[in-house]
Protein backbone atom coordinates (compact mmCIF):
# COMPACT_ATOMS: atom_id res chain seq x y z
CA MET A 1 -16.53 8.91 -7.44
CA SER A 2 -15.45 9.32 -3.84
CA LEU A 3 -14.78 6.93 -0.98
CA GLN A 4 -14.07 7.56 2.69
CA TYR A 5 -12.92 5.13 5.36
CA LYS A 6 -12.16 5.78 9.03
CA ARG A 7 -10.73 3.37 11.60
CA GLU A 8 -10.34 4.24 15.28
CA THR A 9 -8.62 2.10 17.91
CA ARG A 10 -7.03 2.87 21.27
CA GLU A 11 -3.70 3.27 19.48
CA THR A 12 -4.59 5.02 16.21
CA THR A 13 -7.07 6.99 14.16
CA VAL A 14 -6.76 6.45 10.42
CA GLU A 15 -8.76 8.52 7.94
CA ILE A 16 -8.61 7.70 4.23
CA GLU A 17 -10.29 9.51 1.39
CA ILE A 18 -9.95 8.32 -2.19
CA ASP A 19 -11.38 10.80 -4.68
CA SER A 20 -10.60 11.22 -8.37
CA ASN A 21 -11.30 14.97 -8.03
CA ILE A 22 -8.44 15.57 -5.59
CA CYS A 23 -5.74 17.55 -7.38
CA GLU A 24 -2.80 16.39 -5.26
CA SER A 25 -2.58 13.48 -2.84
CA PHE A 26 -1.70 14.19 0.79
CA VAL A 27 -0.34 11.80 3.43
CA ASP A 28 0.48 12.51 7.08
CA THR A 29 1.26 9.56 9.36
CA GLY A 30 3.95 11.19 11.48
CA ILE A 31 6.56 8.90 9.90
CA GLY A 32 8.29 10.76 7.07
CA PHE A 33 9.59 7.77 5.14
CA PHE A 34 6.23 5.98 5.41
CA ASP A 35 4.46 9.12 4.11
CA HIS A 36 6.81 9.01 1.12
CA MET A 37 6.01 5.32 0.51
CA LEU A 38 2.24 5.86 0.73
CA LEU A 39 2.42 8.81 -1.67
CA THR A 40 4.40 6.57 -4.00
CA PHE A 41 1.74 3.84 -3.70
CA LEU A 42 -1.07 6.33 -4.45
CA LYS A 43 0.78 7.73 -7.47
CA TYR A 44 1.59 4.36 -9.02
CA SER A 45 -1.84 2.88 -8.30
CA ASP A 46 -3.32 5.94 -10.06
CA LEU A 47 -5.42 6.73 -6.98
CA LYS A 48 -5.74 10.24 -5.65
CA GLY A 49 -6.31 10.52 -1.96
CA ARG A 50 -5.72 11.82 1.50
CA ILE A 51 -4.42 9.66 4.32
CA LYS A 52 -4.24 11.12 7.83
CA VAL A 53 -3.06 8.98 10.72
CA THR A 54 -2.70 9.88 14.38
CA GLY A 55 -0.98 7.13 16.31
CA ASP A 56 0.98 6.20 19.40
CA LEU A 57 4.36 7.01 17.86
CA TYR A 58 5.73 7.65 21.36
CA VAL A 59 5.63 3.83 21.69
CA ASP A 60 6.93 2.99 18.19
CA CYS A 61 5.74 2.94 14.59
CA HIS A 62 4.10 -0.51 14.65
CA HIS A 63 0.44 0.40 15.26
CA THR A 64 0.55 3.37 12.89
CA ILE A 65 1.93 1.34 9.98
CA GLU A 66 -0.14 -1.80 10.58
CA ASP A 67 -3.42 0.11 11.09
CA THR A 68 -2.75 2.12 7.94
CA GLY A 69 -2.33 -1.16 6.03
CA ILE A 70 -5.61 -2.44 7.48
CA SER A 71 -7.42 0.77 6.55
CA LEU A 72 -5.97 1.06 3.06
CA GLY A 73 -6.83 -2.59 2.44
CA LYS A 74 -10.44 -1.98 3.56
CA ALA A 75 -10.68 1.08 1.29
CA ILE A 76 -9.41 -0.95 -1.69
CA GLU A 77 -11.90 -3.70 -0.88
CA MET A 78 -14.67 -1.07 -0.96
CA ILE A 79 -13.49 0.02 -4.42
CA ILE A 80 -13.59 -3.58 -5.66
CA LYS A 81 -17.18 -4.00 -4.45
CA GLU A 82 -18.25 -0.89 -6.40
CA LYS A 83 -17.55 -2.15 -9.91
CA PRO A 84 -16.41 -5.07 -12.04
CA VAL A 85 -12.60 -5.06 -11.99
CA ARG A 86 -9.85 -6.86 -13.87
CA ARG A 87 -8.97 -8.66 -10.59
CA TYR A 88 -5.36 -9.53 -11.48
CA GLY A 89 -2.34 -7.27 -11.65
CA SER A 90 1.40 -7.67 -11.84
CA SER A 91 4.51 -5.60 -12.28
CA TYR A 92 8.26 -5.52 -12.27
CA ILE A 93 9.72 -2.29 -10.93
CA SER A 94 13.36 -1.33 -10.98
CA MET A 95 14.78 1.49 -8.94
CA ASP A 96 18.48 1.90 -9.42
CA ASP A 97 20.01 -1.29 -7.96
CA ALA A 98 16.64 -2.75 -6.86
CA LEU A 99 14.35 -5.01 -8.88
CA VAL A 100 11.00 -6.08 -7.41
CA ARG A 101 8.17 -8.20 -8.78
CA SER A 102 4.63 -8.13 -7.41
CA VAL A 103 1.60 -10.15 -8.46
CA ILE A 104 -1.86 -9.60 -6.98
CA ASP A 105 -5.21 -11.40 -7.22
CA MET A 106 -8.03 -9.35 -5.73
CA GLY A 107 -10.39 -12.32 -5.79
CA GLY A 108 -11.33 -12.54 -2.11
CA ARG A 109 -8.78 -15.04 -0.78
CA PRO A 110 -6.21 -13.32 1.44
CA PHE A 111 -2.66 -14.64 1.33
CA LEU A 112 0.77 -13.00 1.42
CA GLU A 113 4.05 -14.39 0.14
CA PHE A 114 6.85 -11.88 0.78
CA ARG A 115 10.41 -12.83 -0.06
CA TYR A 116 13.04 -10.56 1.38
CA ASP A 117 14.97 -10.16 4.61
CA PHE A 118 15.97 -6.57 5.27
CA LYS A 119 19.59 -5.99 6.20
CA LYS A 120 19.04 -2.53 7.66
CA GLU A 121 16.75 -2.03 10.67
CA LYS A 122 15.52 1.51 10.03
CA LEU A 123 14.99 4.05 7.29
CA GLY A 124 14.52 7.27 9.25
CA GLU A 125 11.83 6.48 11.83
CA TYR A 126 10.47 3.64 9.67
CA ASP A 127 11.24 0.11 10.86
CA THR A 128 12.01 -1.92 7.74
CA ASP A 129 10.44 -5.07 9.19
CA MET A 130 7.14 -3.17 9.20
CA THR A 131 7.07 -3.40 5.40
CA LYS A 132 5.94 -7.00 5.67
CA GLU A 133 3.45 -6.10 8.43
CA PHE A 134 1.96 -3.35 6.25
CA LEU A 135 1.68 -5.75 3.30
CA ARG A 136 0.09 -8.45 5.47
CA ALA A 137 -2.47 -6.01 6.89
CA PHE A 138 -3.21 -4.63 3.41
CA THR A 139 -3.57 -8.11 1.93
CA MET A 140 -5.81 -9.52 4.65
CA ASN A 141 -8.13 -6.51 4.53
CA SER A 142 -8.29 -6.05 0.77
CA LEU A 143 -9.01 -9.80 0.60
CA SER A 144 -6.27 -10.29 -1.94
CA THR A 145 -3.49 -12.72 -2.66
CA LEU A 146 -0.17 -10.91 -2.98
CA HIS A 147 3.25 -12.24 -3.94
CA ILE A 148 6.21 -9.88 -3.68
CA ASP A 149 9.73 -10.94 -4.56
CA VAL A 150 12.77 -8.73 -4.18
CA ILE A 151 14.83 -10.09 -7.04
CA ARG A 152 17.90 -8.00 -6.34
CA GLY A 153 19.06 -4.84 -4.63
CA GLU A 154 21.57 -3.42 -2.21
CA ASN A 155 20.12 -0.11 -1.04
CA GLU A 156 17.25 -0.66 1.44
CA HIS A 157 15.63 2.67 0.51
CA HIS A 158 15.55 1.69 -3.17
CA ILE A 159 14.28 -1.79 -2.37
CA THR A 160 11.49 -0.53 -0.11
CA GLU A 161 10.41 2.15 -2.57
CA ALA A 162 10.38 -0.40 -5.40
CA ILE A 163 8.14 -2.63 -3.25
CA TYR A 164 5.56 0.14 -2.73
CA LYS A 165 5.73 1.22 -6.39
CA SER A 166 5.36 -2.35 -7.60
CA LEU A 167 2.37 -2.87 -5.31
CA GLY A 168 0.83 0.34 -6.66
CA VAL A 169 1.23 -0.66 -10.31
CA SER A 170 -0.20 -4.13 -9.62
CA VAL A 171 -3.20 -2.67 -7.76
CA LYS A 172 -3.77 -0.16 -10.58
CA GLU A 173 -3.98 -3.00 -13.08
CA ALA A 174 -6.16 -5.16 -10.83
CA ILE A 175 -8.76 -2.46 -10.07
CA GLU A 176 -9.13 -1.32 -13.65
CA ASP A 177 -12.84 -0.99 -14.37
CA LEU A 178 -13.67 -3.54 -17.05
CA GLU A 179 -16.61 -1.51 -18.31
CA SER A 180 -14.94 1.88 -18.73
CA LYS A 181 -11.26 0.81 -18.78
CA GLU A 182 -10.49 3.35 -16.06
CA VAL A 183 -9.03 3.06 -12.62
CA PHE A 184 -11.34 4.22 -9.80
């Protein structure tokens, strides 16, 4: 099964392909740390895909990250419409000093509860406050309820990576096909 989604605005062009026949996922947003986080999300959600984003990075990373969240959320919503899914997913992910819990309900009622205030402003070219913006855009466009709690952690890289991994594991569980017991 294959799915493609494209979103074009004045600020960005986002192209997403989710395909179980892709051997290795590929992400290029122009923001190295964000590419790493999206690859992590794809791996832990058990989705194989390509994400290509061209954005106005000469301004800052905001539009690129937010529009990617919107587009990835829309793609996940398309997956949910294709088949009967488990709907709920949850996970605890630890990464060194970081411990993160995420719980998702992909039942059509968008809501985000995100509990963490970043202490560091940037990770490479990635603005840490954009983590919440990405999650909000993803949640609103996948029509899901998402709760993410950073339970503990000191290293912002570890915390952020645990957030994306935890989201991936929760999405994997939630989009499990109830008929075949497989993820998309």
